[in-house]
Amino acid sequence: MGYVTDYTISVLFGGDKLNLDSPYNQPLSMDLHKLCSKYFVLGTNLIQWRSRQPDMRDLSTKYPHLLFVLDMRGEAADDWVREYYQDGRMQVEKAEVIIGDFDPSLLK
């Protein structure tokens, strides 16, 4: 089957999460549904979405005032990535796990 990833899409406007159930946001909701129904299997977010970057760039170009946040967690324990999309542009941030040094004063 190949490597699969768990995807979560959030949409923000002015820093606030958008209510996709609002009638005002129905065109966007329909576009997201159409996009996701091509790749997502009912009941799971685990998919192979090789065209995600061009797909998300296209979607963000259609809605340039919104920020799309795509969180991805792969099969490997250290494979966490977040991609931001706005107005056809993107930013990629890979998660960093930081474990502090031992401090005996923190023992309880």
N, C-alpha and C. Protein backbone atom coordinates (compact mmCIF):
# COMPACT_ATOMS: atom_id res chain seq x y z
N MET A 1 0.82 -1.19 0.00
CA MET A 1 0.00 0.00 0.00
C MET A 1 0.87 1.25 0.00
N GLY A 2 2.06 1.20 0.57
CA GLY A 2 2.92 2.37 0.60
C GLY A 2 2.76 3.15 1.89
N TYR A 3 3.51 4.22 1.97
CA TYR A 3 3.54 5.08 3.15
C TYR A 3 2.27 5.93 3.20
N VAL A 4 1.59 5.91 4.34
CA VAL A 4 0.38 6.72 4.49
C VAL A 4 0.59 7.75 5.59
N THR A 5 -0.19 8.80 5.52
CA THR A 5 -0.07 9.93 6.44
C THR A 5 -1.44 10.31 6.95
N ASP A 6 -1.50 10.78 8.18
CA ASP A 6 -2.73 11.29 8.79
C ASP A 6 -2.76 12.80 8.57
N TYR A 7 -3.79 13.31 7.89
CA TYR A 7 -3.90 14.73 7.56
C TYR A 7 -5.05 15.38 8.33
N THR A 8 -4.83 16.62 8.76
CA THR A 8 -5.87 17.44 9.36
C THR A 8 -5.77 18.83 8.73
N ILE A 9 -6.88 19.31 8.20
CA ILE A 9 -6.92 20.63 7.57
C ILE A 9 -7.70 21.59 8.47
N SER A 10 -7.11 22.75 8.74
CA SER A 10 -7.80 23.83 9.45
C SER A 10 -7.80 25.05 8.55
N VAL A 11 -8.84 25.87 8.69
CA VAL A 11 -8.94 27.10 7.91
C VAL A 11 -9.10 28.25 8.88
N LEU A 12 -8.25 29.27 8.74
CA LEU A 12 -8.29 30.41 9.65
C LEU A 12 -8.54 31.71 8.88
N PHE A 13 -9.26 32.60 9.55
CA PHE A 13 -9.49 33.95 9.03
C PHE A 13 -9.19 34.92 10.15
N GLY A 14 -8.18 35.77 9.96
CA GLY A 14 -7.80 36.72 11.00
C GLY A 14 -7.35 36.05 12.28
N GLY A 15 -6.75 34.87 12.18
CA GLY A 15 -6.27 34.16 13.35
C GLY A 15 -7.29 33.26 14.02
N ASP A 16 -8.55 33.36 13.62
CA ASP A 16 -9.62 32.54 14.21
C ASP A 16 -9.99 31.40 13.27
N LYS A 17 -10.27 30.25 13.87
CA LYS A 17 -10.70 29.09 13.09
C LYS A 17 -12.06 29.37 12.46
N LEU A 18 -12.19 29.09 11.20
CA LEU A 18 -13.41 29.36 10.45
C LEU A 18 -14.46 28.30 10.74
N ASN A 19 -15.70 28.72 10.91
CA ASN A 19 -16.82 27.79 11.09
C ASN A 19 -17.30 27.35 9.71
N LEU A 20 -16.93 26.14 9.33
CA LEU A 20 -17.26 25.66 7.99
C LEU A 20 -18.72 25.22 7.87
N ASP A 21 -19.45 25.18 9.00
CA ASP A 21 -20.86 24.83 8.96
C ASP A 21 -21.75 26.05 8.67
N SER A 22 -21.17 27.23 8.71
CA SER A 22 -21.93 28.46 8.46
C SER A 22 -22.36 28.51 6.99
N PRO A 23 -23.60 28.91 6.72
CA PRO A 23 -24.05 29.04 5.33
C PRO A 23 -23.16 30.00 4.53
N TYR A 24 -22.60 31.00 5.21
CA TYR A 24 -21.72 31.96 4.55
C TYR A 24 -20.50 31.27 3.95
N ASN A 25 -20.04 30.19 4.58
CA ASN A 25 -18.84 29.48 4.14
C ASN A 25 -19.14 28.25 3.30
N GLN A 26 -20.36 28.12 2.82
CA GLN A 26 -20.75 26.93 2.07
C GLN A 26 -19.92 26.68 0.81
N PRO A 27 -19.58 27.71 0.01
CA PRO A 27 -18.74 27.43 -1.17
C PRO A 27 -17.38 26.81 -0.79
N LEU A 28 -16.76 27.35 0.27
CA LEU A 28 -15.50 26.79 0.73
C LEU A 28 -15.68 25.38 1.24
N SER A 29 -16.73 25.14 2.01
CA SER A 29 -17.00 23.80 2.53
C SER A 29 -17.16 22.80 1.39
N MET A 30 -17.86 23.21 0.36
CA MET A 30 -18.07 22.32 -0.79
C MET A 30 -16.74 22.04 -1.51
N ASP A 31 -15.90 23.06 -1.67
CA ASP A 31 -14.59 22.86 -2.31
C ASP A 31 -13.72 21.92 -1.49
N LEU A 32 -13.72 22.09 -0.16
CA LEU A 32 -12.94 21.19 0.71
C LEU A 32 -13.47 19.76 0.63
N HIS A 33 -14.78 19.62 0.64
CA HIS A 33 -15.38 18.29 0.56
C HIS A 33 -15.01 17.61 -0.76
N LYS A 34 -15.08 18.36 -1.83
CA LYS A 34 -14.74 17.80 -3.14
C LYS A 34 -13.27 17.37 -3.18
N LEU A 35 -12.40 18.21 -2.65
CA LEU A 35 -10.97 17.89 -2.62
C LEU A 35 -10.71 16.65 -1.77
N CYS A 36 -11.27 16.64 -0.56
CA CYS A 36 -11.01 15.53 0.37
C CYS A 36 -11.64 14.23 -0.08
N SER A 37 -12.79 14.29 -0.72
CA SER A 37 -13.45 13.05 -1.14
C SER A 37 -12.66 12.32 -2.23
N LYS A 38 -11.74 13.02 -2.90
CA LYS A 38 -10.89 12.38 -3.90
C LYS A 38 -9.84 11.49 -3.26
N TYR A 39 -9.45 11.80 -2.02
CA TYR A 39 -8.31 11.13 -1.41
C TYR A 39 -8.63 10.40 -0.11
N PHE A 40 -9.51 10.97 0.70
CA PHE A 40 -9.75 10.43 2.03
C PHE A 40 -10.71 9.25 1.97
N VAL A 41 -10.41 8.20 2.73
CA VAL A 41 -11.28 7.04 2.85
C VAL A 41 -12.21 7.30 4.03
N LEU A 42 -13.48 7.02 3.84
CA LEU A 42 -14.48 7.27 4.89
C LEU A 42 -14.04 6.63 6.20
N GLY A 43 -14.06 7.41 7.27
CA GLY A 43 -13.73 6.90 8.60
C GLY A 43 -12.25 6.97 8.97
N THR A 44 -11.43 7.52 8.09
CA THR A 44 -10.01 7.63 8.40
C THR A 44 -9.42 8.87 7.74
N ASN A 45 -8.35 9.38 8.31
CA ASN A 45 -7.60 10.47 7.70
C ASN A 45 -6.30 9.97 7.10
N LEU A 46 -6.08 8.64 7.15
CA LEU A 46 -4.85 8.06 6.65
C LEU A 46 -4.95 7.87 5.14
N ILE A 47 -4.09 8.60 4.41
CA ILE A 47 -4.14 8.52 2.96
C ILE A 47 -2.76 8.73 2.37
N GLN A 48 -2.67 8.51 1.07
CA GLN A 48 -1.53 8.91 0.28
C GLN A 48 -2.02 10.06 -0.60
N TRP A 49 -1.51 11.26 -0.37
CA TRP A 49 -1.98 12.45 -1.08
C TRP A 49 -0.76 13.11 -1.72
N ARG A 50 -0.35 12.56 -2.83
CA ARG A 50 0.87 13.01 -3.48
C ARG A 50 0.74 14.40 -4.11
N SER A 51 -0.47 14.80 -4.47
CA SER A 51 -0.67 16.10 -5.12
C SER A 51 -1.12 17.17 -4.13
N ARG A 52 -0.85 16.97 -2.83
CA ARG A 52 -1.39 17.89 -1.83
C ARG A 52 -0.90 19.32 -2.01
N GLN A 53 0.38 19.51 -2.34
CA GLN A 53 0.89 20.87 -2.43
C GLN A 53 0.25 21.64 -3.59
N PRO A 54 0.20 21.10 -4.80
CA PRO A 54 -0.50 21.85 -5.85
C PRO A 54 -2.00 22.00 -5.56
N ASP A 55 -2.61 20.97 -4.97
CA ASP A 55 -4.03 21.06 -4.63
C ASP A 55 -4.29 22.18 -3.63
N MET A 56 -3.46 22.25 -2.58
CA MET A 56 -3.65 23.26 -1.55
C MET A 56 -3.26 24.65 -2.05
N ARG A 57 -2.26 24.73 -2.90
CA ARG A 57 -1.91 26.03 -3.49
C ARG A 57 -3.08 26.56 -4.32
N ASP A 58 -3.69 25.68 -5.11
CA ASP A 58 -4.84 26.08 -5.93
C ASP A 58 -6.00 26.54 -5.05
N LEU A 59 -6.29 25.78 -4.01
CA LEU A 59 -7.39 26.14 -3.12
C LEU A 59 -7.12 27.47 -2.43
N SER A 60 -5.89 27.68 -1.96
CA SER A 60 -5.58 28.94 -1.27
C SER A 60 -5.57 30.12 -2.24
N THR A 61 -5.31 29.88 -3.50
CA THR A 61 -5.39 30.95 -4.50
C THR A 61 -6.84 31.37 -4.70
N LYS A 62 -7.74 30.41 -4.64
CA LYS A 62 -9.18 30.69 -4.81
C LYS A 62 -9.73 31.49 -3.62
N TYR A 63 -9.13 31.29 -2.44
CA TYR A 63 -9.56 31.98 -1.21
C TYR A 63 -8.34 32.68 -0.59
N PRO A 64 -7.83 33.74 -1.21
CA PRO A 64 -6.56 34.34 -0.79
C PRO A 64 -6.58 34.99 0.59
N HIS A 65 -7.75 35.30 1.11
CA HIS A 65 -7.87 35.96 2.41
C HIS A 65 -7.83 34.97 3.58
N LEU A 66 -7.79 33.67 3.27
CA LEU A 66 -7.81 32.64 4.30
C LEU A 66 -6.43 32.00 4.44
N LEU A 67 -6.17 31.48 5.63
CA LEU A 67 -4.95 30.72 5.89
C LEU A 67 -5.35 29.26 6.07
N PHE A 68 -4.79 28.40 5.25
CA PHE A 68 -5.04 26.96 5.34
C PHE A 68 -3.86 26.32 6.06
N VAL A 69 -4.16 25.53 7.09
CA VAL A 69 -3.12 24.86 7.87
C VAL A 69 -3.33 23.35 7.70
N LEU A 70 -2.31 22.71 7.17
CA LEU A 70 -2.37 21.27 6.93
C LEU A 70 -1.38 20.59 7.86
N ASP A 71 -1.90 19.85 8.84
CA ASP A 71 -1.06 19.09 9.77
C ASP A 71 -0.96 17.66 9.27
N MET A 72 0.26 17.14 9.27
CA MET A 72 0.50 15.79 8.76
C MET A 72 1.34 15.01 9.76
N ARG A 73 0.91 13.78 9.99
CA ARG A 73 1.67 12.87 10.85
C ARG A 73 1.83 11.56 10.10
N GLY A 74 3.07 11.22 9.80
CA GLY A 74 3.35 10.01 9.04
C GLY A 74 3.47 8.78 9.92
N GLU A 75 3.78 7.68 9.27
CA GLU A 75 3.91 6.41 9.99
C GLU A 75 5.10 6.42 10.94
N ALA A 76 6.17 7.10 10.58
CA ALA A 76 7.36 7.18 11.43
C ALA A 76 7.07 8.10 12.61
N ALA A 77 7.59 7.75 13.77
CA ALA A 77 7.31 8.51 15.00
C ALA A 77 7.75 9.97 14.91
N ASP A 78 8.80 10.25 14.15
CA ASP A 78 9.31 11.62 14.07
C ASP A 78 8.82 12.38 12.83
N ASP A 79 7.84 11.86 12.14
CA ASP A 79 7.36 12.47 10.90
C ASP A 79 6.12 13.33 11.17
N TRP A 80 6.34 14.52 11.71
CA TRP A 80 5.28 15.50 11.94
C TRP A 80 5.63 16.75 11.17
N VAL A 81 4.70 17.20 10.33
CA VAL A 81 4.94 18.38 9.51
C VAL A 81 3.68 19.23 9.49
N ARG A 82 3.87 20.55 9.44
CA ARG A 82 2.74 21.48 9.26
C ARG A 82 3.06 22.34 8.04
N GLU A 83 2.08 22.43 7.13
CA GLU A 83 2.21 23.29 5.96
C GLU A 83 1.15 24.39 6.05
N TYR A 84 1.58 25.62 5.80
CA TYR A 84 0.69 26.76 5.77
C TYR A 84 0.52 27.19 4.32
N TYR A 85 -0.71 27.49 3.93
CA TYR A 85 -1.00 27.93 2.57
C TYR A 85 -1.82 29.21 2.61
N GLN A 86 -1.40 30.21 1.83
CA GLN A 86 -2.18 31.43 1.71
C GLN A 86 -1.87 32.07 0.36
N ASP A 87 -2.92 32.36 -0.38
CA ASP A 87 -2.80 33.05 -1.67
C ASP A 87 -1.81 32.36 -2.61
N GLY A 88 -1.86 31.03 -2.66
CA GLY A 88 -1.02 30.26 -3.57
C GLY A 88 0.41 30.05 -3.10
N ARG A 89 0.74 30.58 -1.95
CA ARG A 89 2.10 30.41 -1.41
C ARG A 89 2.06 29.46 -0.22
N MET A 90 3.23 28.88 0.10
CA MET A 90 3.25 27.93 1.21
C MET A 90 4.50 28.08 2.06
N GLN A 91 4.37 27.63 3.31
CA GLN A 91 5.47 27.56 4.26
C GLN A 91 5.42 26.18 4.89
N VAL A 92 6.57 25.52 5.01
CA VAL A 92 6.65 24.18 5.59
C VAL A 92 7.44 24.25 6.89
N GLU A 93 6.88 23.66 7.95
CA GLU A 93 7.56 23.59 9.24
C GLU A 93 7.55 22.15 9.72
N LYS A 94 8.74 21.61 9.97
CA LYS A 94 8.87 20.25 10.50
C LYS A 94 8.92 20.32 12.02
N ALA A 95 8.20 19.45 12.68
CA ALA A 95 8.17 19.44 14.14
C ALA A 95 9.53 19.06 14.70
N GLU A 96 9.85 19.68 15.83
CA GLU A 96 11.08 19.36 16.54
C GLU A 96 10.71 18.89 17.94
N VAL A 97 11.20 17.74 18.32
CA VAL A 97 10.97 17.23 19.66
C VAL A 97 12.19 17.57 20.51
N ILE A 98 11.95 18.26 21.61
CA ILE A 98 13.05 18.66 22.48
C ILE A 98 12.80 18.05 23.86
N ILE A 99 13.77 17.29 24.32
CA ILE A 99 13.68 16.68 25.64
C ILE A 99 14.72 17.36 26.52
N GLY A 100 14.25 17.93 27.62
CA GLY A 100 15.15 18.66 28.52
C GLY A 100 16.15 17.76 29.21
N ASP A 101 17.20 18.37 29.71
CA ASP A 101 18.22 17.65 30.47
C ASP A 101 17.66 17.27 31.84
N PHE A 102 18.27 16.28 32.44
CA PHE A 102 17.88 15.85 33.78
C PHE A 102 18.17 16.96 34.78
N ASP A 103 17.18 17.22 35.64
CA ASP A 103 17.31 18.23 36.70
C ASP A 103 16.80 17.60 37.99
N PRO A 104 17.70 17.21 38.92
CA PRO A 104 17.27 16.52 40.13
C PRO A 104 16.32 17.37 40.99
N SER A 105 16.35 18.69 40.84
CA SER A 105 15.45 19.53 41.64
C SER A 105 13.99 19.38 41.19
N LEU A 106 13.77 18.80 40.03
CA LEU A 106 12.40 18.60 39.55
C LEU A 106 11.81 17.27 39.97
N LEU A 107 12.61 16.43 40.61
CA LEU A 107 12.11 15.14 41.09
C LEU A 107 11.08 15.36 42.18
N LYS A 108 9.99 14.64 42.15
CA LYS A 108 8.90 14.78 43.14
C LYS A 108 8.66 13.46 43.82
